[in-house]
mmCIF file of all heavy atoms, coordinates in Angstrom:
data_MODEL
# 
_entry.id   MODEL 
# 
loop_
_atom_site.group_PDB 
_atom_site.id 
_atom_site.type_symbol 
_atom_site.label_atom_id 
_atom_site.label_alt_id 
_atom_site.label_comp_id 
_atom_site.label_asym_id 
_atom_site.label_entity_id 
_atom_site.label_seq_id 
_atom_site.pdbx_PDB_ins_code 
_atom_site.Cartn_x 
_atom_site.Cartn_y 
_atom_site.Cartn_z 
_atom_site.occupancy 
_atom_site.B_iso_or_equiv 
_atom_site.pdbx_formal_charge 
_atom_site.auth_seq_id 
_atom_site.auth_comp_id 
_atom_site.auth_asym_id 
_atom_site.auth_atom_id 
_atom_site.pdbx_PDB_model_num 
ATOM 1   N N   . GLN A 1 1  ? -8.798  1.538  -4.175  1.00 0.00 ? 1  GLN A N   1 
ATOM 2   C CA  . GLN A 1 1  ? -8.473  0.636  -5.296  1.00 0.00 ? 1  GLN A CA  1 
ATOM 3   C C   . GLN A 1 1  ? -8.496  1.254  -6.590  1.00 0.00 ? 1  GLN A C   1 
ATOM 4   O O   . GLN A 1 1  ? -7.821  0.855  -7.527  1.00 0.00 ? 1  GLN A O   1 
ATOM 5   C CB  . GLN A 1 1  ? -9.335  -0.622 -5.143  1.00 0.00 ? 1  GLN A CB  1 
ATOM 6   C CG  . GLN A 1 1  ? -9.199  -1.354 -3.849  1.00 0.00 ? 1  GLN A CG  1 
ATOM 7   C CD  . GLN A 1 1  ? -7.828  -1.938 -3.720  1.00 0.00 ? 1  GLN A CD  1 
ATOM 8   O OE1 . GLN A 1 1  ? -6.877  -1.610 -4.385  1.00 0.00 ? 1  GLN A OE1 1 
ATOM 9   N NE2 . GLN A 1 1  ? -7.695  -2.954 -2.846  1.00 0.00 ? 1  GLN A NE2 1 
ATOM 10  N N   . ILE A 1 2  ? -9.490  2.165  -6.864  1.00 0.00 ? 2  ILE A N   1 
ATOM 11  C CA  . ILE A 1 2  ? -9.568  2.809  -8.216  1.00 0.00 ? 2  ILE A CA  1 
ATOM 12  C C   . ILE A 1 2  ? -8.675  4.004  -8.394  1.00 0.00 ? 2  ILE A C   1 
ATOM 13  O O   . ILE A 1 2  ? -8.613  4.465  -9.543  1.00 0.00 ? 2  ILE A O   1 
ATOM 14  C CB  . ILE A 1 2  ? -11.061 3.173  -8.500  1.00 0.00 ? 2  ILE A CB  1 
ATOM 15  C CG1 . ILE A 1 2  ? -11.556 4.263  -7.541  1.00 0.00 ? 2  ILE A CG1 1 
ATOM 16  C CG2 . ILE A 1 2  ? -12.007 1.937  -8.297  1.00 0.00 ? 2  ILE A CG2 1 
ATOM 17  C CD1 . ILE A 1 2  ? -13.001 4.746  -7.810  1.00 0.00 ? 2  ILE A CD1 1 
ATOM 18  N N   . LEU A 1 3  ? -8.083  4.467  -7.310  1.00 0.00 ? 3  LEU A N   1 
ATOM 19  C CA  . LEU A 1 3  ? -7.128  5.575  -7.559  1.00 0.00 ? 3  LEU A CA  1 
ATOM 20  C C   . LEU A 1 3  ? -5.921  5.155  -8.342  1.00 0.00 ? 3  LEU A C   1 
ATOM 21  O O   . LEU A 1 3  ? -5.519  4.006  -8.280  1.00 0.00 ? 3  LEU A O   1 
ATOM 22  C CB  . LEU A 1 3  ? -6.720  6.108  -6.171  1.00 0.00 ? 3  LEU A CB  1 
ATOM 23  C CG  . LEU A 1 3  ? -7.669  6.896  -5.319  1.00 0.00 ? 3  LEU A CG  1 
ATOM 24  C CD1 . LEU A 1 3  ? -7.141  7.233  -3.982  1.00 0.00 ? 3  LEU A CD1 1 
ATOM 25  C CD2 . LEU A 1 3  ? -8.049  8.249  -6.006  1.00 0.00 ? 3  LEU A CD2 1 
ATOM 26  N N   . PRO A 1 4  ? -5.469  6.025  -9.176  1.00 0.00 ? 4  PRO A N   1 
ATOM 27  C CA  . PRO A 1 4  ? -4.325  5.654  -9.989  1.00 0.00 ? 4  PRO A CA  1 
ATOM 28  C C   . PRO A 1 4  ? -3.005  5.594  -9.210  1.00 0.00 ? 4  PRO A C   1 
ATOM 29  O O   . PRO A 1 4  ? -1.979  5.119  -9.780  1.00 0.00 ? 4  PRO A O   1 
ATOM 30  C CB  . PRO A 1 4  ? -4.263  6.777  -11.007 1.00 0.00 ? 4  PRO A CB  1 
ATOM 31  C CG  . PRO A 1 4  ? -4.849  8.014  -10.383 1.00 0.00 ? 4  PRO A CG  1 
ATOM 32  C CD  . PRO A 1 4  ? -5.862  7.462  -9.491  1.00 0.00 ? 4  PRO A CD  1 
ATOM 33  N N   . ASP A 1 5  ? -3.026  6.034  -7.989  1.00 0.00 ? 5  ASP A N   1 
ATOM 34  C CA  . ASP A 1 5  ? -1.878  6.032  -7.106  1.00 0.00 ? 5  ASP A CA  1 
ATOM 35  C C   . ASP A 1 5  ? -1.649  4.778  -6.365  1.00 0.00 ? 5  ASP A C   1 
ATOM 36  O O   . ASP A 1 5  ? -2.676  4.097  -5.965  1.00 0.00 ? 5  ASP A O   1 
ATOM 37  C CB  . ASP A 1 5  ? -1.744  7.289  -6.246  1.00 0.00 ? 5  ASP A CB  1 
ATOM 38  C CG  . ASP A 1 5  ? -1.909  8.486  -7.004  1.00 0.00 ? 5  ASP A CG  1 
ATOM 39  O OD1 . ASP A 1 5  ? -1.347  8.601  -8.106  1.00 0.00 ? 5  ASP A OD1 1 
ATOM 40  O OD2 . ASP A 1 5  ? -2.437  9.568  -6.434  1.00 0.00 ? 5  ASP A OD2 1 
ATOM 41  N N   . MET A 1 6  ? -0.438  4.503  -5.973  1.00 0.00 ? 6  MET A N   1 
ATOM 42  C CA  . MET A 1 6  ? -0.142  3.425  -5.050  1.00 0.00 ? 6  MET A CA  1 
ATOM 43  C C   . MET A 1 6  ? -0.285  3.965  -3.584  1.00 0.00 ? 6  MET A C   1 
ATOM 44  O O   . MET A 1 6  ? 0.171   5.057  -3.284  1.00 0.00 ? 6  MET A O   1 
ATOM 45  C CB  . MET A 1 6  ? 1.293   2.904  -5.248  1.00 0.00 ? 6  MET A CB  1 
ATOM 46  C CG  . MET A 1 6  ? 1.511   2.227  -6.599  1.00 0.00 ? 6  MET A CG  1 
ATOM 47  S SD  . MET A 1 6  ? 3.240   1.658  -6.856  1.00 0.00 ? 6  MET A SD  1 
ATOM 48  C CE  . MET A 1 6  ? 4.011   3.249  -7.091  1.00 0.00 ? 6  MET A CE  1 
ATOM 49  N N   . ILE A 1 7  ? -0.861  3.185  -2.709  1.00 0.00 ? 7  ILE A N   1 
ATOM 50  C CA  . ILE A 1 7  ? -1.073  3.552  -1.350  1.00 0.00 ? 7  ILE A CA  1 
ATOM 51  C C   . ILE A 1 7  ? -0.585  2.518  -0.478  1.00 0.00 ? 7  ILE A C   1 
ATOM 52  O O   . ILE A 1 7  ? -0.866  1.275  -0.609  1.00 0.00 ? 7  ILE A O   1 
ATOM 53  C CB  . ILE A 1 7  ? -2.608  3.862  -1.052  1.00 0.00 ? 7  ILE A CB  1 
ATOM 54  C CG1 . ILE A 1 7  ? -3.160  4.938  -1.933  1.00 0.00 ? 7  ILE A CG1 1 
ATOM 55  C CG2 . ILE A 1 7  ? -2.843  4.181  0.431   1.00 0.00 ? 7  ILE A CG2 1 
ATOM 56  C CD1 . ILE A 1 7  ? -4.601  5.310  -1.874  1.00 0.00 ? 7  ILE A CD1 1 
ATOM 57  N N   . LEU A 1 8  ? 0.142   2.950  0.581   1.00 0.00 ? 8  LEU A N   1 
ATOM 58  C CA  . LEU A 1 8  ? 0.803   1.960  1.556   1.00 0.00 ? 8  LEU A CA  1 
ATOM 59  C C   . LEU A 1 8  ? 0.757   2.583  2.887   1.00 0.00 ? 8  LEU A C   1 
ATOM 60  O O   . LEU A 1 8  ? 0.876   3.811  3.033   1.00 0.00 ? 8  LEU A O   1 
ATOM 61  C CB  . LEU A 1 8  ? 2.286   1.841  1.011   1.00 0.00 ? 8  LEU A CB  1 
ATOM 62  C CG  . LEU A 1 8  ? 3.088   0.682  1.530   1.00 0.00 ? 8  LEU A CG  1 
ATOM 63  C CD1 . LEU A 1 8  ? 2.432   -0.672 1.035   1.00 0.00 ? 8  LEU A CD1 1 
ATOM 64  C CD2 . LEU A 1 8  ? 4.550   0.812  1.183   1.00 0.00 ? 8  LEU A CD2 1 
ATOM 65  N N   . ARG A 1 9  ? 0.443   1.676  3.910   1.00 0.00 ? 9  ARG A N   1 
ATOM 66  C CA  . ARG A 1 9  ? 0.417   2.143  5.307   1.00 0.00 ? 9  ARG A CA  1 
ATOM 67  C C   . ARG A 1 9  ? 1.331   1.060  6.080   1.00 0.00 ? 9  ARG A C   1 
ATOM 68  O O   . ARG A 1 9  ? 1.079   -0.166 5.977   1.00 0.00 ? 9  ARG A O   1 
ATOM 69  C CB  . ARG A 1 9  ? -1.019  2.104  5.846   1.00 0.00 ? 9  ARG A CB  1 
ATOM 70  C CG  . ARG A 1 9  ? -1.059  2.531  7.265   1.00 0.00 ? 9  ARG A CG  1 
ATOM 71  C CD  . ARG A 1 9  ? -2.475  2.870  7.735   1.00 0.00 ? 9  ARG A CD  1 
ATOM 72  N NE  . ARG A 1 9  ? -3.267  1.613  7.485   1.00 0.00 ? 9  ARG A NE  1 
ATOM 73  C CZ  . ARG A 1 9  ? -3.537  0.671  8.419   1.00 0.00 ? 9  ARG A CZ  1 
ATOM 74  N NH1 . ARG A 1 9  ? -2.902  0.707  9.569   1.00 0.00 ? 9  ARG A NH1 1 
ATOM 75  N NH2 . ARG A 1 9  ? -4.362  -0.323 8.132   1.00 0.00 ? 9  ARG A NH2 1 
ATOM 76  N N   . PHE A 1 10 ? 2.245   1.629  6.815   1.00 0.00 ? 10 PHE A N   1 
ATOM 77  C CA  . PHE A 1 10 ? 3.152   0.789  7.589   1.00 0.00 ? 10 PHE A CA  1 
ATOM 78  C C   . PHE A 1 10 ? 3.382   1.346  9.011   1.00 0.00 ? 10 PHE A C   1 
ATOM 79  O O   . PHE A 1 10 ? 3.248   2.618  9.204   1.00 0.00 ? 10 PHE A O   1 
ATOM 80  C CB  . PHE A 1 10 ? 4.483   0.517  6.872   1.00 0.00 ? 10 PHE A CB  1 
ATOM 81  C CG  . PHE A 1 10 ? 5.263   1.801  6.534   1.00 0.00 ? 10 PHE A CG  1 
ATOM 82  C CD1 . PHE A 1 10 ? 6.212   2.324  7.428   1.00 0.00 ? 10 PHE A CD1 1 
ATOM 83  C CD2 . PHE A 1 10 ? 4.942   2.373  5.332   1.00 0.00 ? 10 PHE A CD2 1 
ATOM 84  C CE1 . PHE A 1 10 ? 6.907   3.438  7.050   1.00 0.00 ? 10 PHE A CE1 1 
ATOM 85  C CE2 . PHE A 1 10 ? 5.727   3.517  4.943   1.00 0.00 ? 10 PHE A CE2 1 
ATOM 86  C CZ  . PHE A 1 10 ? 6.675   4.052  5.811   1.00 0.00 ? 10 PHE A CZ  1 
ATOM 87  N N   . ASP A 1 11 ? 3.751   0.541  10.012  1.00 0.00 ? 11 ASP A N   1 
ATOM 88  C CA  . ASP A 1 11 ? 3.886   1.022  11.334  1.00 0.00 ? 11 ASP A CA  1 
ATOM 89  C C   . ASP A 1 11 ? 5.284   1.311  11.660  1.00 0.00 ? 11 ASP A C   1 
ATOM 90  O O   . ASP A 1 11 ? 6.158   1.325  10.755  1.00 0.00 ? 11 ASP A O   1 
ATOM 91  C CB  . ASP A 1 11 ? 3.321   -0.106 12.344  1.00 0.00 ? 11 ASP A CB  1 
ATOM 92  C CG  . ASP A 1 11 ? 4.115   -1.404 12.292  1.00 0.00 ? 11 ASP A CG  1 
ATOM 93  O OD1 . ASP A 1 11 ? 5.304   -1.360 11.741  1.00 0.00 ? 11 ASP A OD1 1 
ATOM 94  O OD2 . ASP A 1 11 ? 3.563   -2.404 12.805  1.00 0.00 ? 11 ASP A OD2 1 
ATOM 95  N N   . ARG A 1 12 ? 5.536   1.708  12.908  1.00 0.00 ? 12 ARG A N   1 
ATOM 96  C CA  . ARG A 1 12 ? 6.910   2.130  13.240  1.00 0.00 ? 12 ARG A CA  1 
ATOM 97  C C   . ARG A 1 12 ? 7.914   1.056  13.144  1.00 0.00 ? 12 ARG A C   1 
ATOM 98  O O   . ARG A 1 12 ? 9.127   1.402  12.909  1.00 0.00 ? 12 ARG A O   1 
ATOM 99  C CB  . ARG A 1 12 ? 6.964   2.676  14.748  1.00 0.00 ? 12 ARG A CB  1 
ATOM 100 C CG  . ARG A 1 12 ? 6.489   1.579  15.739  1.00 0.00 ? 12 ARG A CG  1 
ATOM 101 C CD  . ARG A 1 12 ? 6.783   2.026  17.191  1.00 0.00 ? 12 ARG A CD  1 
ATOM 102 N NE  . ARG A 1 12 ? 6.276   3.265  17.486  1.00 0.00 ? 12 ARG A NE  1 
ATOM 103 C CZ  . ARG A 1 12 ? 5.061   3.463  18.008  1.00 0.00 ? 12 ARG A CZ  1 
ATOM 104 N NH1 . ARG A 1 12 ? 4.298   2.453  18.299  1.00 0.00 ? 12 ARG A NH1 1 
ATOM 105 N NH2 . ARG A 1 12 ? 4.582   4.646  18.309  1.00 0.00 ? 12 ARG A NH2 1 
ATOM 106 N N   . ASN A 1 13 ? 7.557   -0.149 13.039  1.00 0.00 ? 13 ASN A N   1 
ATOM 107 C CA  . ASN A 1 13 ? 8.462   -1.241 12.869  1.00 0.00 ? 13 ASN A CA  1 
ATOM 108 C C   . ASN A 1 13 ? 8.583   -1.692 11.353  1.00 0.00 ? 13 ASN A C   1 
ATOM 109 O O   . ASN A 1 13 ? 9.142   -2.701 11.010  1.00 0.00 ? 13 ASN A O   1 
ATOM 110 C CB  . ASN A 1 13 ? 8.047   -2.536 13.635  1.00 0.00 ? 13 ASN A CB  1 
ATOM 111 C CG  . ASN A 1 13 ? 8.048   -2.212 15.152  1.00 0.00 ? 13 ASN A CG  1 
ATOM 112 O OD1 . ASN A 1 13 ? 9.017   -1.617 15.649  1.00 0.00 ? 13 ASN A OD1 1 
ATOM 113 N ND2 . ASN A 1 13 ? 6.936   -2.671 15.804  1.00 0.00 ? 13 ASN A ND2 1 
ATOM 114 N N   . LEU A 1 14 ? 8.075   -0.775 10.541  1.00 0.00 ? 14 LEU A N   1 
ATOM 115 C CA  . LEU A 1 14 ? 8.146   -1.075 9.033   1.00 0.00 ? 14 LEU A CA  1 
ATOM 116 C C   . LEU A 1 14 ? 7.346   -2.184 8.582   1.00 0.00 ? 14 LEU A C   1 
ATOM 117 O O   . LEU A 1 14 ? 7.604   -2.819 7.473   1.00 0.00 ? 14 LEU A O   1 
ATOM 118 C CB  . LEU A 1 14 ? 9.564   -1.143 8.597   1.00 0.00 ? 14 LEU A CB  1 
ATOM 119 C CG  . LEU A 1 14 ? 10.549  0.090  8.812   1.00 0.00 ? 14 LEU A CG  1 
ATOM 120 C CD1 . LEU A 1 14 ? 11.910  -0.156 8.241   1.00 0.00 ? 14 LEU A CD1 1 
ATOM 121 C CD2 . LEU A 1 14 ? 9.974   1.334  8.361   1.00 0.00 ? 14 LEU A CD2 1 
ATOM 122 N N   . VAL A 1 15 ? 6.366   -2.671 9.378   1.00 0.00 ? 15 VAL A N   1 
ATOM 123 C CA  . VAL A 1 15 ? 5.493   -3.802 8.996   1.00 0.00 ? 15 VAL A CA  1 
ATOM 124 C C   . VAL A 1 15 ? 4.350   -3.155 8.233   1.00 0.00 ? 15 VAL A C   1 
ATOM 125 O O   . VAL A 1 15 ? 3.643   -2.222 8.702   1.00 0.00 ? 15 VAL A O   1 
ATOM 126 C CB  . VAL A 1 15 ? 5.014   -4.577 10.256  1.00 0.00 ? 15 VAL A CB  1 
ATOM 127 C CG1 . VAL A 1 15 ? 3.962   -5.669 9.796   1.00 0.00 ? 15 VAL A CG1 1 
ATOM 128 C CG2 . VAL A 1 15 ? 6.198   -5.182 10.892  1.00 0.00 ? 15 VAL A CG2 1 
ATOM 129 N N   . ILE A 1 16 ? 4.071   -3.694 7.001   1.00 0.00 ? 16 ILE A N   1 
ATOM 130 C CA  . ILE A 1 16 ? 3.039   -3.121 6.198   1.00 0.00 ? 16 ILE A CA  1 
ATOM 131 C C   . ILE A 1 16 ? 1.676   -3.558 6.728   1.00 0.00 ? 16 ILE A C   1 
ATOM 132 O O   . ILE A 1 16 ? 1.419   -4.693 6.957   1.00 0.00 ? 16 ILE A O   1 
ATOM 133 C CB  . ILE A 1 16 ? 3.154   -3.706 4.673   1.00 0.00 ? 16 ILE A CB  1 
ATOM 134 C CG1 . ILE A 1 16 ? 4.500   -3.095 4.193   1.00 0.00 ? 16 ILE A CG1 1 
ATOM 135 C CG2 . ILE A 1 16 ? 2.027   -3.221 3.871   1.00 0.00 ? 16 ILE A CG2 1 
ATOM 136 C CD1 . ILE A 1 16 ? 4.886   -3.667 2.760   1.00 0.00 ? 16 ILE A CD1 1 
ATOM 137 N N   . ARG A 1 17 ? 0.858   -2.679 6.911   1.00 0.00 ? 17 ARG A N   1 
ATOM 138 C CA  . ARG A 1 17 ? -0.569  -2.881 7.422   1.00 0.00 ? 17 ARG A CA  1 
ATOM 139 C C   . ARG A 1 17 ? -1.682  -2.679 6.363   1.00 0.00 ? 17 ARG A C   1 
ATOM 140 O O   . ARG A 1 17 ? -2.746  -3.216 6.494   1.00 0.00 ? 17 ARG A O   1 
ATOM 141 C CB  . ARG A 1 17 ? -0.934  -1.891 8.568   1.00 0.00 ? 17 ARG A CB  1 
ATOM 142 C CG  . ARG A 1 17 ? 0.054   -1.921 9.828   1.00 0.00 ? 17 ARG A CG  1 
ATOM 143 C CD  . ARG A 1 17 ? 0.082   -3.382 10.277  1.00 0.00 ? 17 ARG A CD  1 
ATOM 144 N NE  . ARG A 1 17 ? 0.934   -3.471 11.494  1.00 0.00 ? 17 ARG A NE  1 
ATOM 145 C CZ  . ARG A 1 17 ? 1.270   -4.721 12.010  1.00 0.00 ? 17 ARG A CZ  1 
ATOM 146 N NH1 . ARG A 1 17 ? 0.824   -5.761 11.491  1.00 0.00 ? 17 ARG A NH1 1 
ATOM 147 N NH2 . ARG A 1 17 ? 2.036   -4.778 13.006  1.00 0.00 ? 17 ARG A NH2 1 
ATOM 148 N N   . PHE A 1 18 ? -1.362  -2.058 5.262   1.00 0.00 ? 18 PHE A N   1 
ATOM 149 C CA  . PHE A 1 18 ? -2.334  -1.897 4.147   1.00 0.00 ? 18 PHE A CA  1 
ATOM 150 C C   . PHE A 1 18 ? -1.558  -1.604 2.864   1.00 0.00 ? 18 PHE A C   1 
ATOM 151 O O   . PHE A 1 18 ? -0.570  -0.852 2.864   1.00 0.00 ? 18 PHE A O   1 
ATOM 152 C CB  . PHE A 1 18 ? -3.373  -0.798 4.452   1.00 0.00 ? 18 PHE A CB  1 
ATOM 153 C CG  . PHE A 1 18 ? -4.231  -0.579 3.246   1.00 0.00 ? 18 PHE A CG  1 
ATOM 154 C CD1 . PHE A 1 18 ? -5.376  -1.421 3.011   1.00 0.00 ? 18 PHE A CD1 1 
ATOM 155 C CD2 . PHE A 1 18 ? -4.012  0.371  2.292   1.00 0.00 ? 18 PHE A CD2 1 
ATOM 156 C CE1 . PHE A 1 18 ? -6.124  -1.274 1.875   1.00 0.00 ? 18 PHE A CE1 1 
ATOM 157 C CE2 . PHE A 1 18 ? -4.813  0.636  1.263   1.00 0.00 ? 18 PHE A CE2 1 
ATOM 158 C CZ  . PHE A 1 18 ? -5.880  -0.109 1.018   1.00 0.00 ? 18 PHE A CZ  1 
ATOM 159 N N   . ALA A 1 19 ? -1.969  -2.220 1.851   1.00 0.00 ? 19 ALA A N   1 
ATOM 160 C CA  . ALA A 1 19 ? -1.442  -1.882 0.435   1.00 0.00 ? 19 ALA A CA  1 
ATOM 161 C C   . ALA A 1 19 ? -2.607  -2.005 -0.583  1.00 0.00 ? 19 ALA A C   1 
ATOM 162 O O   . ALA A 1 19 ? -3.322  -3.107 -0.490  1.00 0.00 ? 19 ALA A O   1 
ATOM 163 C CB  . ALA A 1 19 ? -0.307  -2.878 0.130   1.00 0.00 ? 19 ALA A CB  1 
ATOM 164 N N   . ASN A 1 20 ? -2.681  -1.158 -1.440  1.00 0.00 ? 20 ASN A N   1 
ATOM 165 C CA  . ASN A 1 20 ? -3.841  -1.308 -2.352  1.00 0.00 ? 20 ASN A CA  1 
ATOM 166 C C   . ASN A 1 20 ? -3.314  -2.087 -3.626  1.00 0.00 ? 20 ASN A C   1 
ATOM 167 O O   . ASN A 1 20 ? -2.105  -2.443 -3.645  1.00 0.00 ? 20 ASN A O   1 
ATOM 168 C CB  . ASN A 1 20 ? -4.324  0.103  -2.868  1.00 0.00 ? 20 ASN A CB  1 
ATOM 169 C CG  . ASN A 1 20 ? -3.480  0.874  -3.593  1.00 0.00 ? 20 ASN A CG  1 
ATOM 170 O OD1 . ASN A 1 20 ? -2.181  0.558  -3.724  1.00 0.00 ? 20 ASN A OD1 1 
ATOM 171 N ND2 . ASN A 1 20 ? -3.781  1.957  -4.220  1.00 0.00 ? 20 ASN A ND2 1 
ATOM 172 N N   . ASP A 1 21 ? -4.298  -2.479 -4.505  1.00 0.00 ? 21 ASP A N   1 
ATOM 173 C CA  . ASP A 1 21 ? -3.806  -3.296 -5.597  1.00 0.00 ? 21 ASP A CA  1 
ATOM 174 C C   . ASP A 1 21 ? -2.865  -2.664 -6.523  1.00 0.00 ? 21 ASP A C   1 
ATOM 175 O O   . ASP A 1 21 ? -2.054  -3.353 -7.131  1.00 0.00 ? 21 ASP A O   1 
ATOM 176 C CB  . ASP A 1 21 ? -5.189  -3.620 -6.410  1.00 0.00 ? 21 ASP A CB  1 
ATOM 177 C CG  . ASP A 1 21 ? -6.085  -4.521 -5.693  1.00 0.00 ? 21 ASP A CG  1 
ATOM 178 O OD1 . ASP A 1 21 ? -5.674  -5.181 -4.686  1.00 0.00 ? 21 ASP A OD1 1 
ATOM 179 O OD2 . ASP A 1 21 ? -7.336  -4.582 -6.071  1.00 0.00 ? 21 ASP A OD2 1 
ATOM 180 N N   . LYS A 1 22 ? -2.767  -1.321 -6.614  1.00 0.00 ? 22 LYS A N   1 
ATOM 181 C CA  . LYS A 1 22 ? -1.865  -0.729 -7.512  1.00 0.00 ? 22 LYS A CA  1 
ATOM 182 C C   . LYS A 1 22 ? -0.402  -1.048 -6.996  1.00 0.00 ? 22 LYS A C   1 
ATOM 183 O O   . LYS A 1 22 ? 0.543   -1.397 -7.775  1.00 0.00 ? 22 LYS A O   1 
ATOM 184 C CB  . LYS A 1 22 ? -2.049  0.776  -7.503  1.00 0.00 ? 22 LYS A CB  1 
ATOM 185 C CG  . LYS A 1 22 ? -3.265  1.219  -8.328  1.00 0.00 ? 22 LYS A CG  1 
ATOM 186 C CD  . LYS A 1 22 ? -3.106  1.005  -9.813  1.00 0.00 ? 22 LYS A CD  1 
ATOM 187 C CE  . LYS A 1 22 ? -4.168  1.569  -10.634 1.00 0.00 ? 22 LYS A CE  1 
ATOM 188 N NZ  . LYS A 1 22 ? -5.483  0.997  -10.389 1.00 0.00 ? 22 LYS A NZ  1 
ATOM 189 N N   . PHE A 1 23 ? -0.172  -0.942 -5.708  1.00 0.00 ? 23 PHE A N   1 
ATOM 190 C CA  . PHE A 1 23 ? 1.072   -1.241 -5.141  1.00 0.00 ? 23 PHE A CA  1 
ATOM 191 C C   . PHE A 1 23 ? 1.442   -2.589 -5.301  1.00 0.00 ? 23 PHE A C   1 
ATOM 192 O O   . PHE A 1 23 ? 2.466   -3.058 -5.775  1.00 0.00 ? 23 PHE A O   1 
ATOM 193 C CB  . PHE A 1 23 ? 1.224   -0.744 -3.677  1.00 0.00 ? 23 PHE A CB  1 
ATOM 194 C CG  . PHE A 1 23 ? 2.528   -1.078 -3.074  1.00 0.00 ? 23 PHE A CG  1 
ATOM 195 C CD1 . PHE A 1 23 ? 3.672   -0.223 -3.225  1.00 0.00 ? 23 PHE A CD1 1 
ATOM 196 C CD2 . PHE A 1 23 ? 2.745   -2.301 -2.385  1.00 0.00 ? 23 PHE A CD2 1 
ATOM 197 C CE1 . PHE A 1 23 ? 4.882   -0.607 -2.697  1.00 0.00 ? 23 PHE A CE1 1 
ATOM 198 C CE2 . PHE A 1 23 ? 3.953   -2.695 -1.904  1.00 0.00 ? 23 PHE A CE2 1 
ATOM 199 C CZ  . PHE A 1 23 ? 5.019   -1.795 -1.987  1.00 0.00 ? 23 PHE A CZ  1 
ATOM 200 N N   . ALA A 1 24 ? 0.440   -3.551 -5.013  1.00 0.00 ? 24 ALA A N   1 
ATOM 201 C CA  . ALA A 1 24 ? 0.682   -4.895 -5.060  1.00 0.00 ? 24 ALA A CA  1 
ATOM 202 C C   . ALA A 1 24 ? 1.008   -5.403 -6.464  1.00 0.00 ? 24 ALA A C   1 
ATOM 203 O O   . ALA A 1 24 ? 2.006   -6.221 -6.597  1.00 0.00 ? 24 ALA A O   1 
ATOM 204 C CB  . ALA A 1 24 ? -0.590  -5.669 -4.538  1.00 0.00 ? 24 ALA A CB  1 
ATOM 205 N N   . SER A 1 25 ? 0.357   -4.849 -7.436  1.00 0.00 ? 25 SER A N   1 
ATOM 206 C CA  . SER A 1 25 ? 0.613   -5.274 -8.875  1.00 0.00 ? 25 SER A CA  1 
ATOM 207 C C   . SER A 1 25 ? 2.046   -4.720 -9.249  1.00 0.00 ? 25 SER A C   1 
ATOM 208 O O   . SER A 1 25 ? 2.744   -5.402 -10.018 1.00 0.00 ? 25 SER A O   1 
ATOM 209 C CB  . SER A 1 25 ? -0.430  -4.714 -9.794  1.00 0.00 ? 25 SER A CB  1 
ATOM 210 O OG  . SER A 1 25 ? -0.432  -3.289 -9.733  1.00 0.00 ? 25 SER A OG  1 
ATOM 211 N N   . ARG A 1 26 ? 2.465   -3.682 -8.683  1.00 0.00 ? 26 ARG A N   1 
ATOM 212 C CA  . ARG A 1 26 ? 3.769   -3.085 -9.025  1.00 0.00 ? 26 ARG A CA  1 
ATOM 213 C C   . ARG A 1 26 ? 4.907   -4.019 -8.553  1.00 0.00 ? 26 ARG A C   1 
ATOM 214 O O   . ARG A 1 26 ? 5.998   -4.162 -9.196  1.00 0.00 ? 26 ARG A O   1 
ATOM 215 C CB  . ARG A 1 26 ? 3.987   -1.659 -8.398  1.00 0.00 ? 26 ARG A CB  1 
ATOM 216 C CG  . ARG A 1 26 ? 5.307   -0.975 -8.557  1.00 0.00 ? 26 ARG A CG  1 
ATOM 217 C CD  . ARG A 1 26 ? 5.590   -0.797 -10.106 1.00 0.00 ? 26 ARG A CD  1 
ATOM 218 N NE  . ARG A 1 26 ? 4.705   0.157  -10.737 1.00 0.00 ? 26 ARG A NE  1 
ATOM 219 C CZ  . ARG A 1 26 ? 4.811   1.415  -10.717 1.00 0.00 ? 26 ARG A CZ  1 
ATOM 220 N NH1 . ARG A 1 26 ? 5.861   1.962  -10.179 1.00 0.00 ? 26 ARG A NH1 1 
ATOM 221 N NH2 . ARG A 1 26 ? 3.887   2.162  -11.249 1.00 0.00 ? 26 ARG A NH2 1 
# 
């Protein structure tokens, strides 16, 4: 959460499994 980068994790079906606050706010 404190990293300045956006982090995203998704599965083979392109379903998002994790997103940090930086990506969410974007």
